[in-house]
C-alpha atoms as a PDB file:
ATOM      1  CA  MET A   1       0.365  -0.072   0.112  1.00  0.00           C
ATOM      2  CA  ILE A   2       3.220   2.425   0.502  1.00  0.00           C
ATOM      3  CA  TRP A   3       4.813   1.902  -2.770  1.00  0.00           C
ATOM      4  CA  ALA A   4       0.761   3.009  -4.380  1.00  0.00           C
ATOM      5  CA  ALA A   5       0.619   5.938  -1.879  1.00  0.00           C
ATOM      6  CA  VAL A   6       4.538   7.055  -3.048  1.00  0.00           C
ATOM      7  CA  ALA A   7       3.118   6.544  -6.495  1.00  0.00           C
ATOM      8  CA  ILE A   8       0.229   7.910  -7.044  1.00  0.00           C
ATOM      9  CA  GLY A   9       1.041  11.180  -4.464  1.00  0.00           C
ATOM     10  CA  GLY A  10       4.267  11.219  -6.951  1.00  0.00           C
ATOM     11  CA  ALA A  11       1.873  11.618 -10.027  1.00  0.00           C
ATOM     12  CA  ILE A  12      -0.251  14.571  -8.205  1.00  0.00           C
ATOM     13  CA  GLY A  13       3.256  15.896  -7.408  1.00  0.00           C
ATOM     14  CA  SER A  14       4.167  16.035 -10.675  1.00  0.00           C
ATOM     15  CA  VAL A  15       1.028  16.924 -12.404  1.00  0.00           C
ATOM     16  CA  ALA A  16       0.582  20.034 -10.252  1.00  0.00           C
ATOM     17  CA  ARG A  17       4.402  20.688 -10.871  1.00  0.00           C
ATOM     18  CA  HIS A  18       3.976  20.833 -14.555  1.00  0.00           C
ATOM     19  CA  GLY A  19       0.805  23.422 -13.785  1.00  0.00           C
ATOM     20  CA  VAL A  20       3.183  25.820 -12.382  1.00  0.00           C
ATOM     21  CA  ASN A  21       5.930  25.674 -14.663  1.00  0.00           C
ATOM     22  CA  HIS A  22       3.137  26.755 -17.522  1.00  0.00           C
ATOM     23  CA  VAL A  23       1.246  28.966 -15.044  1.00  0.00           C
ATOM     24  CA  VAL A  24       4.936  30.763 -14.696  1.00  0.00           C
ATOM     25  CA  ALA A  25       5.848  30.502 -18.058  1.00  0.00           C
ATOM     26  CA  ALA A  26       2.324  32.360 -19.331  1.00  0.00           C
ATOM     27  CA  TRP A  27       2.884  34.968 -16.551  1.00  0.00           C
ATOM     28  CA  THR A  28       6.649  35.580 -17.174  1.00  0.00           C
ATOM     29  CA  GLY A  29       6.682  34.492 -20.640  1.00  0.00           C
ATOM     30  CA  ARG A  30       9.901  31.821 -19.482  1.00  0.00           C
ATOM     31  CA  PRO A  31       9.280  29.125 -16.980  1.00  0.00           C
ATOM     32  CA  SER A  32      12.812  28.478 -15.733  1.00  0.00           C
ATOM     33  CA  PRO A  33      14.020  29.727 -12.723  1.00  0.00           C
ATOM     34  CA  TYR A  34      10.886  31.322 -11.456  1.00  0.00           C
ATOM     35  CA  ALA A  35       8.451  28.240 -11.582  1.00  0.00           C
ATOM     36  CA  THR A  36      11.345  26.747  -9.876  1.00  0.00           C
ATOM     37  CA  PHE A  37      11.467  28.989  -7.373  1.00  0.00           C
ATOM     38  CA  THR A  38       7.753  29.469  -6.863  1.00  0.00           C
ATOM     39  CA  VAL A  39       7.675  25.478  -6.772  1.00  0.00           C
ATOM     40  CA  ASN A  40      10.673  25.365  -4.248  1.00  0.00           C
ATOM     41  CA  MET A  41       8.881  27.904  -2.210  1.00  0.00           C
ATOM     42  CA  ILE A  42       5.167  26.423  -1.919  1.00  0.00           C
ATOM     43  CA  GLY A  43       6.697  23.301  -1.181  1.00  0.00           C
ATOM     44  CA  CYS A  44       8.883  24.916   1.689  1.00  0.00           C
ATOM     45  CA  PHE A  45       5.912  25.813   3.052  1.00  0.00           C
ATOM     46  CA  LEU A  46       3.359  23.215   2.589  1.00  0.00           C
ATOM     47  CA  ILE A  47       5.557  20.565   3.817  1.00  0.00           C
ATOM     48  CA  GLY A  48       6.762  22.794   7.046  1.00  0.00           C
ATOM     49  CA  LEU A  49       3.273  23.446   8.062  1.00  0.00           C
ATOM     50  CA  LEU A  50       2.077  20.120   7.721  1.00  0.00           C
ATOM     51  CA  ALA A  51       5.177  18.717   9.991  1.00  0.00           C
ATOM     52  CA  GLY A  52       4.015  21.873  12.339  1.00  0.00           C
ATOM     53  CA  LEU A  53       0.685  20.787  12.431  1.00  0.00           C
ATOM     54  CA  ILE A  54       1.986  16.798  12.767  1.00  0.00           C
ATOM     55  CA  ALA A  55       4.604  18.084  15.454  1.00  0.00           C
ATOM     56  CA  GLY A  56       1.430  20.538  17.076  1.00  0.00           C
ATOM     57  CA  GLN A  57      -0.657  17.420  17.273  1.00  0.00           C
ATOM     58  CA  ARG A  58      -3.277  19.148  15.314  1.00  0.00           C
ATOM     59  CA  ILE A  59      -3.582  16.785  12.666  1.00  0.00           C
ATOM     60  CA  GLU A  60      -2.839  13.084  12.574  1.00  0.00           C
ATOM     61  CA  LEU A  61      -1.901  11.223   9.886  1.00  0.00           C
ATOM     62  CA  THR A  62      -1.439   7.086   9.632  1.00  0.00           C
ATOM     63  CA  ALA A  63       2.006   6.331   8.065  1.00  0.00           C
ATOM     64  CA  THR A  64       0.684   5.568   4.469  1.00  0.00           C
ATOM     65  CA  ALA A  65      -1.235   9.234   4.702  1.00  0.00           C
ATOM     66  CA  ARG A  66       2.141  10.611   5.446  1.00  0.00           C
ATOM     67  CA  THR A  67       3.964   8.745   3.019  1.00  0.00           C
ATOM     68  CA  PHE A  68       1.904   9.809   0.333  1.00  0.00           C
ATOM     69  CA  VAL A  69       1.478  13.379   0.995  1.00  0.00           C
ATOM     70  CA  PHE A  70       5.141  13.733   2.212  1.00  0.00           C
ATOM     71  CA  VAL A  71       7.043  11.351  -0.142  1.00  0.00           C
ATOM     72  CA  GLY A  72       4.354  10.416  -2.699  1.00  0.00           C
ATOM     73  CA  ILE A  73       2.433  14.450  -3.382  1.00  0.00           C
ATOM     74  CA  LEU A  74       5.387  16.877  -2.105  1.00  0.00           C
ATOM     75  CA  GLY A  75       8.435  14.815  -3.625  1.00  0.00           C
ATOM     76  CA  GLY A  76       6.436  14.535  -6.662  1.00  0.00           C
ATOM     77  CA  PHE A  77       5.944  18.227  -6.632  1.00  0.00           C
ATOM     78  CA  THR A  78       9.263  19.089  -5.617  1.00  0.00           C
ATOM     79  CA  THR A  79      12.082  17.033  -3.137  1.00  0.00           C
ATOM     80  CA  PHE A  80      13.492  20.741  -2.374  1.00  0.00           C
ATOM     81  CA  SER A  81      11.377  20.652   0.818  1.00  0.00           C
ATOM     82  CA  SER A  82      12.283  17.393   1.709  1.00  0.00           C
ATOM     83  CA  PHE A  83      15.681  18.695   1.830  1.00  0.00           C
ATOM     84  CA  MET A  84      14.421  21.787   3.722  1.00  0.00           C
ATOM     85  CA  LEU A  85      12.629  19.619   6.071  1.00  0.00           C
ATOM     86  CA  ASP A  86      16.016  17.669   7.139  1.00  0.00           C
ATOM     87  CA  ASN A  87      17.846  20.789   7.660  1.00  0.00           C
ATOM     88  CA  LEU A  88      14.785  22.314   9.841  1.00  0.00           C
ATOM     89  CA  THR A  89      14.460  18.980  11.515  1.00  0.00           C
ATOM     90  CA  LEU A  90      18.403  18.622  12.323  1.00  0.00           C
ATOM     91  CA  ALA A  91      18.630  22.334  13.701  1.00  0.00           C
ATOM     92  CA  SER A  92      15.751  22.111  15.710  1.00  0.00           C
ATOM     93  CA  SER A  93      16.645  18.763  17.571  1.00  0.00           C
ATOM     94  CA  GLY A  94      19.944  20.861  18.372  1.00  0.00           C
ATOM     95  CA  HIS A  95      22.009  20.035  15.982  1.00  0.00           C
ATOM     96  CA  ALA A  96      22.405  23.390  14.090  1.00  0.00           C
ATOM     97  CA  ALA A  97      26.104  22.929  12.621  1.00  0.00           C
ATOM     98  CA  ALA A  98      25.193  19.328  10.903  1.00  0.00           C
ATOM     99  CA  GLY A  99      21.756  21.326   8.980  1.00  0.00           C
ATOM    100  CA  LEU A 100      24.191  23.937   7.551  1.00  0.00           C
ATOM    101  CA  ALA A 101      26.413  21.619   6.630  1.00  0.00           C
ATOM    102  CA  ASN A 102      23.613  19.454   5.048  1.00  0.00           C
ATOM    103  CA  ALA A 103      22.494  22.222   3.419  1.00  0.00           C
ATOM    104  CA  LEU A 104      25.708  23.520   1.926  1.00  0.00           C
ATOM    105  CA  GLY A 105      27.328  20.426   1.266  1.00  0.00           C
ATOM    106  CA  GLN A 106      24.273  19.575  -0.861  1.00  0.00           C
ATOM    107  CA  LEU A 107      24.193  22.863  -2.658  1.00  0.00           C
ATOM    108  CA  MET A 108      27.958  22.481  -3.462  1.00  0.00           C
ATOM    109  CA  VAL A 109      28.616  19.351  -4.536  1.00  0.00           C
ATOM    110  CA  GLY A 110      25.365  18.884  -6.379  1.00  0.00           C
ATOM    111  CA  TYR A 111      26.279  21.935  -8.071  1.00  0.00           C
ATOM    112  CA  LEU A 112      29.483  20.680  -8.619  1.00  0.00           C
ATOM    113  CA  LEU A 113      27.883  17.356  -9.707  1.00  0.00           C
ATOM    114  CA  ALA A 114      25.649  19.013 -12.451  1.00  0.00           C
ATOM    115  CA  TYR A 115      28.225  20.965 -13.349  1.00  0.00           C
ATOM    116  CA  VAL A 116      30.239  17.657 -14.103  1.00  0.00           C
ATOM    117  CA  GLY A 117      26.989  16.099 -15.699  1.00  0.00           C
ATOM    118  CA  TYR A 118      26.710  19.153 -18.364  1.00  0.00           C
ATOM    119  CA  ARG A 119      30.444  19.235 -19.194  1.00  0.00           C
ATOM    120  CA  LEU A 120      30.490  15.225 -19.929  1.00  0.00           C
ATOM    121  CA  GLY A 121      27.197  15.862 -21.760  1.00  0.00           C
ATOM    122  CA  VAL A 122      28.288  18.943 -23.804  1.00  0.00           C
ATOM    123  CA  PRO A 123      32.140  18.650 -23.989  1.00  0.00           C
ATOM    124  CA  SER A 124      32.774  21.186 -26.696  1.00  0.00           C
ATOM    125  CA  LEU A 125      32.005  23.966 -24.259  1.00  0.00           C
END
């Protein structure tokens, strides 16, 4: 059941992301980076809100429902929100330095790997 929740939620999140891309492209004339920024910020707000509602015991979700929303929908919409929640969780559990190191490390290494992958794909540049 968990795998189905991830698959269905991921499809919903991916379609929603594609919808945001179209809306932002219509407003700005170009989807990226504005659509990516928009999706990432919406995802960060939603994952923070939901995590706070669960932590504050204002809502209760089963493990399957949490997986459907967090991994499926929000994961399909943007994994940036999960990345930020990981950093927030580290910081709020007394490991602020680890949260900062995780954030900076993933940004720097991710940028480097995207560059290397791009250069491998277009070696004539």
